[in-house]
């Protein structure tokens, strides 16, 4: 720990989830100048959550983890202030974020961070960033907001099923079936929702799951595949949503 210069989240999935829903939400509305400080605040909160949660697990290094968490939290607050000055209605997201964060904290304390419910709550938390970006850009409680939240939630939940099926649950054949079935359903739901073109962003995840689910994969390869998947989902969603 003494050799670590910066404490930053190491999971590529988290970086994708903190940015992709936000960018999609911003693009779905109207990008404004306040989107920049809001994103930096959102990024700061994400970076603060990592050391804070680590402090609950690694008590011997708690002081160091808390110090980094406080630094990131203060940076987040600094960027959030101008947003709240001009758009105080953004505070309405605070209770939702607090509830979802508390669910994550509870799972950390129970040493069950890998639980599916914890993953789902984390995804919902990140989707809230997309909702905030959409409403900051002039959006309201409308079908587009539902699409921003819904499609992001469905996509990143799919990544959870896939990653579990190639790592921790690889030997559990049921998870392979779950992953393939989930991604097959994702190709149908956009049609039911009345936006058939949104099937396209879910085509790559479906193919990747058919090819690799249940097989041994190196973490680096999985990471590259997930990055490619997130980028194609982002670009296609901006065009088609």
Protein backbone atom coordinates (compact mmCIF):
# COMPACT_ATOMS: atom_id res chain seq x y z
CA UNK A 1 0.00 0.00 0.00
CA UNK A 2 2.92 2.33 0.72
CA UNK A 3 4.12 2.04 -2.87
CA UNK A 4 0.72 3.07 -4.29
CA UNK A 5 0.78 6.63 -5.55
CA UNK A 6 -2.87 6.83 -6.52
CA UNK A 7 -5.85 4.85 -5.32
CA UNK A 8 -8.29 4.34 -8.17
CA UNK A 9 -10.95 1.71 -8.98
CA UNK A 10 -9.40 -1.14 -10.95
CA UNK A 11 -12.45 -2.77 -12.49
CA UNK A 12 -12.96 -1.83 -16.15
CA UNK A 13 -16.67 -2.57 -15.81
CA UNK A 14 -17.07 0.20 -13.26
CA UNK A 15 -15.44 2.77 -15.53
CA UNK A 16 -17.79 1.77 -18.35
CA UNK A 17 -20.86 1.98 -16.13
CA UNK A 18 -19.95 5.36 -14.69
CA UNK A 19 -19.52 6.89 -18.16
CA UNK A 20 -21.71 5.08 -20.73
CA UNK A 21 -25.16 5.69 -19.13
CA UNK A 22 -24.18 9.29 -18.41
CA UNK A 23 -23.11 10.01 -21.99
CA UNK A 24 -26.21 8.31 -23.40
CA UNK A 25 -28.45 10.32 -21.06
CA UNK A 26 -26.69 13.56 -22.04
CA UNK A 27 -26.96 12.78 -25.76
CA UNK A 28 -30.63 11.81 -25.44
CA UNK A 29 -31.43 15.31 -24.17
CA UNK A 30 -29.46 18.45 -24.97
CA UNK A 31 -25.81 18.70 -23.92
CA UNK A 32 -25.23 21.79 -21.78
CA UNK A 33 -22.20 23.30 -20.06
CA UNK A 34 -23.29 22.02 -16.64
CA UNK A 35 -22.92 18.46 -17.90
CA UNK A 36 -19.15 18.79 -17.49
CA UNK A 37 -19.04 19.62 -13.76
CA UNK A 38 -21.83 17.13 -13.09
CA UNK A 39 -19.85 14.37 -14.78
CA UNK A 40 -16.70 15.31 -12.86
CA UNK A 41 -18.71 15.23 -9.64
CA UNK A 42 -20.20 11.88 -10.65
CA UNK A 43 -16.72 10.56 -11.44
CA UNK A 44 -15.43 11.87 -8.11
CA UNK A 45 -18.20 10.11 -6.21
CA UNK A 46 -17.40 6.87 -8.02
CA UNK A 47 -13.71 7.18 -7.20
CA UNK A 48 -14.56 8.01 -3.57
CA UNK A 49 -16.80 4.97 -3.21
CA UNK A 50 -13.93 2.59 -3.97
CA UNK A 51 -11.62 3.52 -1.03
CA UNK A 52 -14.58 4.00 1.29
CA UNK A 53 -15.83 0.47 0.57
CA UNK A 54 -12.28 -0.89 0.80
CA UNK A 55 -11.97 0.65 4.25
CA UNK A 56 -14.82 -1.58 5.40
CA UNK A 57 -12.92 -4.68 4.29
CA UNK A 58 -9.27 -3.85 4.98
CA UNK A 59 -9.30 -2.49 8.50
CA UNK A 60 -5.50 -2.55 8.86
CA UNK A 61 -5.25 0.12 6.13
CA UNK A 62 -8.45 1.96 7.00
CA UNK A 63 -6.79 5.33 7.60
CA UNK A 64 -5.21 5.35 4.14
CA UNK A 65 -8.40 4.25 2.41
CA UNK A 66 -10.47 6.85 4.24
CA UNK A 67 -7.98 9.59 3.39
CA UNK A 68 -8.28 8.88 -0.32
CA UNK A 69 -12.04 8.61 -0.06
CA UNK A 70 -12.30 11.99 1.63
CA UNK A 71 -10.08 13.63 -1.02
CA UNK A 72 -12.21 12.29 -3.87
CA UNK A 73 -15.43 13.18 -2.04
CA UNK A 74 -14.29 16.78 -1.54
CA UNK A 75 -13.39 17.05 -5.22
CA UNK A 76 -16.84 15.69 -6.13
CA UNK A 77 -18.56 18.20 -3.86
CA UNK A 78 -16.56 21.06 -5.38
CA UNK A 79 -17.78 20.19 -8.87
CA UNK A 80 -21.32 19.51 -7.65
CA UNK A 81 -21.78 22.95 -6.08
CA UNK A 82 -22.22 24.93 -9.34
CA UNK A 83 -24.65 22.28 -10.62
CA UNK A 84 -26.83 22.58 -7.52
CA UNK A 85 -26.66 26.38 -7.60
CA UNK A 86 -28.16 26.51 -11.08
CA UNK A 87 -30.15 23.25 -10.97
CA UNK A 88 -31.15 22.52 -7.34
CA UNK A 89 -33.68 19.98 -8.59
CA UNK A 90 -30.76 17.58 -9.09
CA UNK A 91 -30.93 16.96 -5.34
CA UNK A 92 -33.97 14.77 -5.96
CA UNK A 93 -31.59 11.98 -6.98
CA UNK A 94 -29.86 11.98 -3.59
CA UNK A 95 -32.33 9.67 -1.75
CA UNK A 96 -32.21 7.12 -4.57
CA UNK A 97 -28.42 7.12 -4.61
CA UNK A 98 -28.26 6.84 -0.83
CA UNK A 99 -30.53 3.79 -0.74
CA UNK A 100 -28.58 2.00 -3.47
CA UNK A 101 -25.25 2.83 -1.86
CA UNK A 102 -26.47 1.46 1.46
CA UNK A 103 -27.34 -1.82 -0.25
CA UNK A 104 -23.76 -2.02 -1.53
CA UNK A 105 -22.41 -1.21 1.94
CA UNK A 106 -24.56 -3.94 3.49
CA UNK A 107 -23.23 -6.53 1.03
CA UNK A 108 -19.64 -5.48 1.73
CA UNK A 109 -20.21 -5.87 5.46
CA UNK A 110 -21.76 -9.29 4.82
CA UNK A 111 -18.80 -10.19 2.59
CA UNK A 112 -21.18 -10.94 -0.28
CA UNK A 113 -20.12 -8.32 -2.82
CA UNK A 114 -20.50 -10.82 -5.66
CA UNK A 115 -24.20 -11.40 -4.95
CA UNK A 116 -26.45 -10.80 -7.94
CA UNK A 117 -28.65 -8.38 -5.97
CA UNK A 118 -25.61 -6.27 -5.14
CA UNK A 119 -24.61 -6.17 -8.81
CA UNK A 120 -28.11 -5.16 -9.86
CA UNK A 121 -28.25 -2.35 -7.29
CA UNK A 122 -24.84 -1.12 -8.44
CA UNK A 123 -26.07 -1.05 -12.05
CA UNK A 124 -29.20 0.86 -11.03
CA UNK A 125 -26.97 3.33 -9.21
CA UNK A 126 -24.94 3.98 -12.36
CA UNK A 127 -28.12 4.23 -14.45
CA UNK A 128 -29.22 7.01 -12.10
CA UNK A 129 -26.30 9.01 -13.48
CA UNK A 130 -27.78 8.62 -16.96
CA UNK A 131 -31.15 9.80 -15.69
CA UNK A 132 -29.53 12.83 -14.03
CA UNK A 133 -27.67 13.73 -17.22
CA UNK A 134 -30.89 13.44 -19.24
CA UNK A 135 -32.88 15.67 -16.90
CA UNK A 136 -30.06 18.20 -16.62
CA UNK A 137 -30.25 18.56 -20.40
CA UNK A 138 -33.94 19.43 -20.31
CA UNK A 139 -35.47 15.97 -20.27
CA UNK A 140 -38.36 14.99 -18.06
CA UNK A 141 -40.23 11.94 -16.81
CA UNK A 142 -40.99 10.60 -20.27
CA UNK A 143 -40.47 7.49 -22.45
CA UNK A 144 -36.95 8.61 -23.38
CA UNK A 145 -35.95 8.69 -19.72
CA UNK A 146 -37.34 5.18 -19.33
CA UNK A 147 -35.32 4.11 -22.38
CA UNK A 148 -32.12 5.64 -21.03
CA UNK A 149 -32.51 3.83 -17.72
CA UNK A 150 -33.98 0.62 -19.12
CA UNK A 151 -31.59 -0.13 -21.97
CA UNK A 152 -28.51 0.71 -19.91
CA UNK A 153 -29.77 -1.49 -17.10
CA UNK A 154 -30.49 -4.38 -19.45
CA UNK A 155 -27.13 -4.13 -21.19
CA UNK A 156 -24.96 -3.98 -18.07
CA UNK A 157 -26.98 -6.69 -16.33
CA UNK A 158 -26.11 -8.84 -19.32
CA UNK A 159 -22.42 -8.19 -18.71
CA UNK A 160 -22.85 -9.49 -15.16
CA UNK A 161 -24.35 -12.75 -16.44
CA UNK A 162 -21.57 -13.12 -19.00
CA UNK A 163 -18.70 -12.39 -16.61
CA UNK A 164 -20.08 -14.78 -14.00
CA UNK A 165 -20.40 -17.49 -16.67
CA UNK A 166 -16.69 -17.26 -17.61
CA UNK A 167 -15.21 -16.74 -14.15
CA UNK A 168 -16.76 -17.54 -10.77
CA UNK A 169 -19.70 -19.56 -12.13
CA UNK A 170 -17.95 -21.07 -15.14
CA UNK A 171 -18.31 -24.62 -13.85
CA UNK A 172 -21.97 -24.08 -13.06
CA UNK A 173 -23.74 -25.00 -16.29
CA UNK A 174 -26.91 -23.26 -15.16
CA UNK A 175 -25.15 -19.89 -15.34
CA UNK A 176 -24.12 -20.61 -18.92
CA UNK A 177 -27.76 -21.32 -19.74
CA UNK A 178 -28.88 -18.21 -17.84
CA UNK A 179 -26.40 -16.02 -19.73
CA UNK A 180 -27.38 -17.32 -23.16
CA UNK A 181 -31.10 -17.17 -22.41
CA UNK A 182 -30.83 -13.64 -21.02
CA UNK A 183 -29.02 -12.33 -24.10
CA UNK A 184 -31.48 -14.07 -26.42
CA UNK A 185 -34.37 -12.33 -24.66
CA UNK A 186 -32.54 -8.99 -24.99
CA UNK A 187 -32.81 -9.28 -28.77
CA UNK A 188 -36.59 -9.50 -28.49
CA UNK A 189 -37.40 -6.90 -25.83
CA UNK A 190 -36.65 -3.80 -27.97
CA UNK A 191 -39.22 -5.05 -30.49
CA UNK A 192 -41.79 -5.41 -27.71
CA UNK A 193 -40.88 -1.93 -26.45
CA UNK A 194 -41.60 -0.49 -29.91
CA UNK A 195 -38.00 0.30 -30.88
CA UNK A 196 -36.81 -2.67 -32.96
CA UNK A 197 -33.60 -0.94 -34.08
CA UNK A 198 -32.38 -1.08 -30.48
CA UNK A 199 -31.88 -4.80 -31.03
CA UNK A 200 -28.60 -3.93 -32.76
CA UNK A 201 -26.64 -2.86 -29.64
CA UNK A 202 -27.54 -6.21 -28.07
CA UNK A 203 -26.36 -8.29 -31.03
CA UNK A 204 -22.67 -8.15 -30.10
CA UNK A 205 -23.33 -9.27 -26.48
CA UNK A 206 -25.50 -12.12 -27.79
CA UNK A 207 -22.77 -13.38 -30.15
CA UNK A 208 -20.03 -13.02 -27.53
CA UNK A 209 -22.11 -15.03 -25.05
CA UNK A 210 -22.78 -17.81 -27.55
CA UNK A 211 -19.07 -18.06 -28.34
CA UNK A 212 -17.47 -17.79 -24.91
CA UNK A 213 -19.99 -18.38 -22.11
CA UNK A 214 -18.89 -21.29 -19.91
CA UNK A 215 -15.37 -21.39 -21.38
CA UNK A 216 -12.00 -20.60 -19.83
CA UNK A 217 -10.91 -17.07 -20.68
CA UNK A 218 -8.05 -14.84 -19.62
CA UNK A 219 -9.13 -11.71 -17.72
CA UNK A 220 -7.37 -9.49 -20.27
CA UNK A 221 -9.38 -10.98 -23.13
CA UNK A 222 -12.64 -10.60 -21.22
CA UNK A 223 -11.73 -6.99 -20.46
CA UNK A 224 -11.05 -6.18 -24.11
CA UNK A 225 -14.30 -7.81 -25.21
CA UNK A 226 -16.26 -5.87 -22.59
CA UNK A 227 -14.65 -2.58 -23.61
CA UNK A 228 -15.52 -3.21 -27.27
CA UNK A 229 -19.05 -4.15 -26.23
CA UNK A 230 -19.50 -0.99 -24.16
CA UNK A 231 -18.22 1.25 -26.97
CA UNK A 232 -20.50 -0.29 -29.59
CA UNK A 233 -23.45 -0.10 -27.19
CA UNK A 234 -22.71 3.57 -26.51
CA UNK A 235 -22.40 4.55 -30.17
CA UNK A 236 -25.40 2.58 -31.42
CA UNK A 237 -27.59 3.73 -28.55
CA UNK A 238 -26.83 7.38 -29.27
CA UNK A 239 -27.80 6.84 -32.89
CA UNK A 240 -30.86 4.62 -32.40
CA UNK A 241 -32.43 5.58 -29.06
